[in-house]
């Protein structure tokens, strides 16, 4: 773990990671399912995601991990508006569990 990882694992660093990724998830969800995005945004703003929204966020962040260790010949290229590391995914999953969601 380098100093950047340690910094990101602080409560404020974890919160920034979650906020950054929730914003990207909500923006993407809005493009595909505006009703689900409205429901999720309302829950996020109230500080409590529904179980459905939490499951969607957990699945989304897992599917969008950018650092897959694949090169172009070995695996999928993930085009995304935001860079998501495996550590970011773990942070979101840990945050969701701390909120009482099964992940």
N, C-alpha and C. Protein backbone atom coordinates (compact mmCIF):
# COMPACT_ATOMS: atom_id res chain seq x y z
N UNK A 1 0.86 -1.17 0.00
CA UNK A 1 0.00 0.00 0.00
C UNK A 1 0.90 1.23 0.00
N UNK A 2 0.71 2.09 -0.96
CA UNK A 2 1.53 3.30 -1.01
C UNK A 2 0.82 4.44 -0.27
N UNK A 3 1.48 5.58 -0.20
CA UNK A 3 0.91 6.70 0.57
C UNK A 3 -0.40 7.18 -0.02
N UNK A 4 -0.58 7.08 -1.34
CA UNK A 4 -1.85 7.50 -1.95
C UNK A 4 -2.98 6.57 -1.51
N UNK A 5 -2.70 5.25 -1.45
CA UNK A 5 -3.71 4.30 -0.97
C UNK A 5 -4.08 4.60 0.47
N UNK A 6 -3.07 4.88 1.32
CA UNK A 6 -3.33 5.18 2.72
C UNK A 6 -4.18 6.43 2.86
N UNK A 7 -3.88 7.43 2.04
CA UNK A 7 -4.65 8.68 2.10
C UNK A 7 -6.09 8.42 1.70
N UNK A 8 -6.29 7.59 0.69
CA UNK A 8 -7.63 7.34 0.20
C UNK A 8 -8.43 6.51 1.20
N UNK A 9 -7.78 5.75 2.06
CA UNK A 9 -8.47 4.90 3.02
C UNK A 9 -8.91 5.64 4.28
N UNK A 10 -8.60 6.92 4.38
CA UNK A 10 -9.09 7.69 5.52
C UNK A 10 -10.58 7.88 5.34
N UNK A 11 -11.32 8.13 6.43
CA UNK A 11 -12.76 8.34 6.28
C UNK A 11 -13.11 9.42 5.25
N UNK A 12 -12.38 10.52 5.25
CA UNK A 12 -12.70 11.57 4.28
C UNK A 12 -12.31 11.13 2.87
N UNK A 13 -11.22 10.38 2.74
CA UNK A 13 -10.83 9.86 1.43
C UNK A 13 -11.82 8.84 0.92
N UNK A 14 -12.32 8.00 1.82
CA UNK A 14 -13.33 7.03 1.43
C UNK A 14 -14.61 7.74 0.99
N UNK A 15 -14.99 8.75 1.72
CA UNK A 15 -16.21 9.49 1.37
C UNK A 15 -16.07 10.17 0.01
N UNK A 16 -14.89 10.75 -0.26
CA UNK A 16 -14.66 11.39 -1.57
C UNK A 16 -14.76 10.35 -2.69
N UNK A 17 -14.21 9.16 -2.46
CA UNK A 17 -14.29 8.10 -3.46
C UNK A 17 -15.73 7.72 -3.71
N UNK A 18 -16.48 7.50 -2.64
CA UNK A 18 -17.89 7.13 -2.78
C UNK A 18 -18.66 8.23 -3.49
N UNK A 19 -18.47 9.48 -3.09
CA UNK A 19 -19.19 10.59 -3.73
C UNK A 19 -18.86 10.68 -5.22
N UNK A 20 -17.59 10.53 -5.57
CA UNK A 20 -17.17 10.60 -6.98
C UNK A 20 -17.83 9.50 -7.80
N UNK A 21 -17.84 8.30 -7.26
CA UNK A 21 -18.39 7.18 -8.02
C UNK A 21 -19.91 7.17 -8.03
N UNK A 22 -20.53 7.59 -6.95
CA UNK A 22 -22.00 7.69 -6.96
C UNK A 22 -22.44 8.72 -7.99
N UNK A 23 -21.73 9.83 -8.08
CA UNK A 23 -22.08 10.85 -9.08
C UNK A 23 -22.01 10.28 -10.50
N UNK A 24 -20.96 9.51 -10.79
CA UNK A 24 -20.81 8.90 -12.11
C UNK A 24 -21.90 7.86 -12.36
N UNK A 25 -22.18 7.06 -11.33
CA UNK A 25 -23.22 6.03 -11.45
C UNK A 25 -24.59 6.66 -11.69
N UNK A 26 -24.91 7.72 -10.94
CA UNK A 26 -26.19 8.38 -11.13
C UNK A 26 -26.31 8.99 -12.52
N UNK A 27 -25.22 9.58 -13.01
CA UNK A 27 -25.25 10.17 -14.35
C UNK A 27 -25.48 9.10 -15.41
N UNK A 28 -24.80 7.98 -15.27
CA UNK A 28 -24.99 6.90 -16.24
C UNK A 28 -26.39 6.30 -16.12
N UNK A 29 -26.86 6.11 -14.92
CA UNK A 29 -28.20 5.56 -14.70
C UNK A 29 -29.25 6.48 -15.30
N UNK A 30 -29.06 7.78 -15.15
CA UNK A 30 -29.99 8.76 -15.71
C UNK A 30 -30.13 8.58 -17.23
N UNK A 31 -29.04 8.27 -17.89
CA UNK A 31 -29.10 8.09 -19.36
C UNK A 31 -29.89 6.85 -19.76
N UNK A 32 -29.98 5.86 -18.88
CA UNK A 32 -30.60 4.59 -19.24
C UNK A 32 -31.93 4.32 -18.55
N UNK A 33 -32.12 4.87 -17.37
CA UNK A 33 -33.36 4.61 -16.61
C UNK A 33 -33.60 5.79 -15.67
N UNK A 34 -34.30 6.78 -16.17
CA UNK A 34 -34.47 8.02 -15.40
C UNK A 34 -35.25 7.80 -14.10
N UNK A 35 -36.21 6.89 -14.09
CA UNK A 35 -36.97 6.64 -12.86
C UNK A 35 -36.07 6.03 -11.78
N UNK A 36 -35.25 5.08 -12.17
CA UNK A 36 -34.31 4.46 -11.21
C UNK A 36 -33.31 5.49 -10.71
N UNK A 37 -32.87 6.36 -11.61
CA UNK A 37 -31.92 7.40 -11.22
C UNK A 37 -32.54 8.38 -10.23
N UNK A 38 -33.79 8.76 -10.47
CA UNK A 38 -34.48 9.67 -9.54
C UNK A 38 -34.60 9.03 -8.15
N UNK A 39 -35.02 7.77 -8.12
CA UNK A 39 -35.15 7.05 -6.85
C UNK A 39 -33.80 6.97 -6.13
N UNK A 40 -32.76 6.61 -6.87
CA UNK A 40 -31.44 6.49 -6.26
C UNK A 40 -30.91 7.84 -5.79
N UNK A 41 -31.10 8.88 -6.59
CA UNK A 41 -30.63 10.22 -6.22
C UNK A 41 -31.35 10.71 -4.95
N UNK A 42 -32.65 10.46 -4.88
CA UNK A 42 -33.41 10.85 -3.69
C UNK A 42 -32.86 10.14 -2.46
N UNK A 43 -32.63 8.84 -2.58
CA UNK A 43 -32.07 8.09 -1.46
C UNK A 43 -30.69 8.58 -1.08
N UNK A 44 -29.85 8.83 -2.06
CA UNK A 44 -28.50 9.33 -1.82
C UNK A 44 -28.55 10.66 -1.08
N UNK A 45 -29.40 11.56 -1.54
CA UNK A 45 -29.50 12.88 -0.92
C UNK A 45 -30.05 12.80 0.50
N UNK A 46 -30.85 11.81 0.77
CA UNK A 46 -31.40 11.61 2.13
C UNK A 46 -30.46 10.80 3.01
N UNK A 47 -29.39 10.26 2.40
CA UNK A 47 -28.41 9.49 3.16
C UNK A 47 -28.73 8.02 3.32
N UNK A 48 -29.63 7.51 2.48
CA UNK A 48 -30.01 6.11 2.60
C UNK A 48 -30.46 5.56 1.25
N UNK A 49 -29.60 4.78 0.62
CA UNK A 49 -29.98 4.16 -0.64
C UNK A 49 -30.93 3.00 -0.37
N UNK A 50 -31.86 2.79 -1.27
CA UNK A 50 -32.71 1.60 -1.17
C UNK A 50 -31.85 0.36 -1.43
N UNK A 51 -32.37 -0.80 -1.05
CA UNK A 51 -31.62 -2.04 -1.30
C UNK A 51 -31.38 -2.23 -2.79
N UNK A 52 -32.37 -1.91 -3.59
CA UNK A 52 -32.22 -2.04 -5.04
C UNK A 52 -31.12 -1.13 -5.57
N UNK A 53 -31.14 0.12 -5.13
CA UNK A 53 -30.12 1.07 -5.58
C UNK A 53 -28.74 0.65 -5.10
N UNK A 54 -28.64 0.17 -3.87
CA UNK A 54 -27.35 -0.28 -3.34
C UNK A 54 -26.81 -1.46 -4.15
N UNK A 55 -27.69 -2.39 -4.49
CA UNK A 55 -27.28 -3.54 -5.30
C UNK A 55 -26.83 -3.08 -6.69
N UNK A 56 -27.58 -2.15 -7.27
CA UNK A 56 -27.21 -1.61 -8.58
C UNK A 56 -25.85 -0.91 -8.53
N UNK A 57 -25.62 -0.11 -7.50
CA UNK A 57 -24.33 0.58 -7.35
C UNK A 57 -23.20 -0.43 -7.20
N UNK A 58 -23.38 -1.43 -6.36
CA UNK A 58 -22.34 -2.45 -6.15
C UNK A 58 -22.01 -3.17 -7.45
N UNK A 59 -23.04 -3.54 -8.20
CA UNK A 59 -22.83 -4.22 -9.47
C UNK A 59 -22.16 -3.30 -10.48
N UNK A 60 -22.63 -2.06 -10.55
CA UNK A 60 -22.07 -1.09 -11.49
C UNK A 60 -20.59 -0.86 -11.23
N UNK A 61 -20.23 -0.61 -9.98
CA UNK A 61 -18.83 -0.30 -9.68
C UNK A 61 -17.94 -1.51 -9.97
N UNK A 62 -18.45 -2.71 -9.74
CA UNK A 62 -17.68 -3.91 -10.05
C UNK A 62 -17.49 -4.04 -11.56
N UNK A 63 -18.54 -3.81 -12.31
CA UNK A 63 -18.48 -3.94 -13.76
C UNK A 63 -17.62 -2.86 -14.41
N UNK A 64 -17.46 -1.73 -13.75
CA UNK A 64 -16.75 -0.60 -14.34
C UNK A 64 -15.29 -0.46 -13.90
N UNK A 65 -14.78 -1.43 -13.15
CA UNK A 65 -13.38 -1.33 -12.73
C UNK A 65 -12.52 -1.15 -13.97
N UNK A 66 -11.73 -0.08 -13.97
CA UNK A 66 -10.92 0.28 -15.13
C UNK A 66 -9.61 -0.49 -15.17
N UNK A 67 -8.99 -0.68 -14.03
CA UNK A 67 -7.68 -1.35 -13.96
C UNK A 67 -7.87 -2.86 -13.88
N UNK A 68 -8.11 -3.48 -15.02
CA UNK A 68 -8.39 -4.91 -15.05
C UNK A 68 -7.14 -5.76 -15.23
N UNK A 69 -6.01 -5.14 -15.49
CA UNK A 69 -4.75 -5.83 -15.76
C UNK A 69 -4.77 -6.55 -17.10
N UNK A 70 -5.76 -6.29 -17.92
CA UNK A 70 -5.80 -6.81 -19.28
C UNK A 70 -5.17 -5.80 -20.21
N UNK A 71 -4.51 -6.29 -21.23
CA UNK A 71 -4.12 -5.37 -22.30
C UNK A 71 -5.17 -5.51 -23.40
N UNK A 72 -5.03 -4.76 -24.47
CA UNK A 72 -6.06 -4.75 -25.51
C UNK A 72 -6.28 -6.11 -26.13
N UNK A 73 -5.24 -6.96 -26.19
CA UNK A 73 -5.37 -8.27 -26.80
C UNK A 73 -5.98 -9.31 -25.87
N UNK A 74 -5.92 -9.07 -24.56
CA UNK A 74 -6.33 -10.08 -23.59
C UNK A 74 -7.76 -9.96 -23.10
N UNK A 75 -8.27 -8.78 -23.09
CA UNK A 75 -9.58 -8.66 -22.47
C UNK A 75 -10.31 -7.40 -22.85
N UNK A 76 -11.38 -7.17 -22.17
CA UNK A 76 -12.25 -6.06 -22.54
C UNK A 76 -11.63 -4.71 -22.24
N UNK A 77 -11.87 -3.80 -23.14
CA UNK A 77 -11.52 -2.40 -22.88
C UNK A 77 -12.78 -1.76 -22.33
N UNK A 78 -12.65 -1.10 -21.23
CA UNK A 78 -13.81 -0.48 -20.61
C UNK A 78 -13.72 1.03 -20.81
N UNK A 79 -14.57 1.54 -21.68
CA UNK A 79 -14.62 2.97 -21.89
C UNK A 79 -15.51 3.59 -20.83
N UNK A 80 -15.00 4.52 -20.09
CA UNK A 80 -15.79 5.10 -19.01
C UNK A 80 -15.44 6.57 -18.83
N UNK A 81 -16.39 7.29 -18.25
CA UNK A 81 -16.17 8.70 -17.97
C UNK A 81 -15.31 8.91 -16.73
N UNK A 82 -15.15 7.87 -15.93
CA UNK A 82 -14.45 7.98 -14.66
C UNK A 82 -13.55 6.76 -14.50
N UNK A 83 -12.39 6.97 -13.93
CA UNK A 83 -11.46 5.86 -13.68
C UNK A 83 -11.83 5.22 -12.34
N UNK A 84 -11.96 3.90 -12.35
CA UNK A 84 -12.32 3.16 -11.14
C UNK A 84 -11.29 2.06 -10.93
N UNK A 85 -10.61 2.11 -9.80
CA UNK A 85 -9.61 1.11 -9.48
C UNK A 85 -10.25 -0.02 -8.67
N UNK A 86 -9.59 -1.17 -8.58
CA UNK A 86 -10.09 -2.22 -7.69
C UNK A 86 -10.25 -1.73 -6.25
N UNK A 87 -9.35 -0.88 -5.81
CA UNK A 87 -9.45 -0.31 -4.46
C UNK A 87 -10.70 0.56 -4.33
N UNK A 88 -11.02 1.33 -5.37
CA UNK A 88 -12.24 2.14 -5.36
C UNK A 88 -13.47 1.24 -5.21
N UNK A 89 -13.48 0.14 -5.97
CA UNK A 89 -14.60 -0.80 -5.88
C UNK A 89 -14.72 -1.33 -4.45
N UNK A 90 -13.60 -1.73 -3.87
CA UNK A 90 -13.62 -2.23 -2.49
C UNK A 90 -14.14 -1.17 -1.53
N UNK A 91 -13.73 0.07 -1.74
CA UNK A 91 -14.18 1.17 -0.87
C UNK A 91 -15.70 1.33 -0.95
N UNK A 92 -16.26 1.30 -2.15
CA UNK A 92 -17.70 1.43 -2.31
C UNK A 92 -18.42 0.25 -1.66
N UNK A 93 -17.90 -0.96 -1.87
CA UNK A 93 -18.53 -2.13 -1.28
C UNK A 93 -18.48 -2.06 0.25
N UNK A 94 -17.34 -1.64 0.80
CA UNK A 94 -17.21 -1.50 2.25
C UNK A 94 -18.19 -0.44 2.77
N UNK A 95 -18.32 0.66 2.05
CA UNK A 95 -19.24 1.73 2.45
C UNK A 95 -20.68 1.21 2.44
N UNK A 96 -21.04 0.47 1.39
CA UNK A 96 -22.39 -0.08 1.32
C UNK A 96 -22.66 -1.04 2.48
N UNK A 97 -21.68 -1.90 2.81
CA UNK A 97 -21.86 -2.80 3.94
C UNK A 97 -22.02 -2.01 5.24
N UNK A 98 -21.25 -0.95 5.40
CA UNK A 98 -21.35 -0.11 6.61
C UNK A 98 -22.72 0.55 6.70
N UNK A 99 -23.40 0.71 5.56
CA UNK A 99 -24.75 1.29 5.54
C UNK A 99 -25.81 0.23 5.76
N UNK A 100 -25.38 -1.03 5.96
CA UNK A 100 -26.32 -2.10 6.25
C UNK A 100 -26.77 -2.90 5.04
N UNK A 101 -26.12 -2.71 3.91
CA UNK A 101 -26.51 -3.42 2.69
C UNK A 101 -25.66 -4.68 2.54
N UNK A 102 -26.28 -5.75 2.08
CA UNK A 102 -25.56 -6.98 1.76
C UNK A 102 -24.90 -6.80 0.40
N UNK A 103 -23.60 -6.93 0.37
CA UNK A 103 -22.87 -6.78 -0.89
C UNK A 103 -22.03 -8.03 -1.08
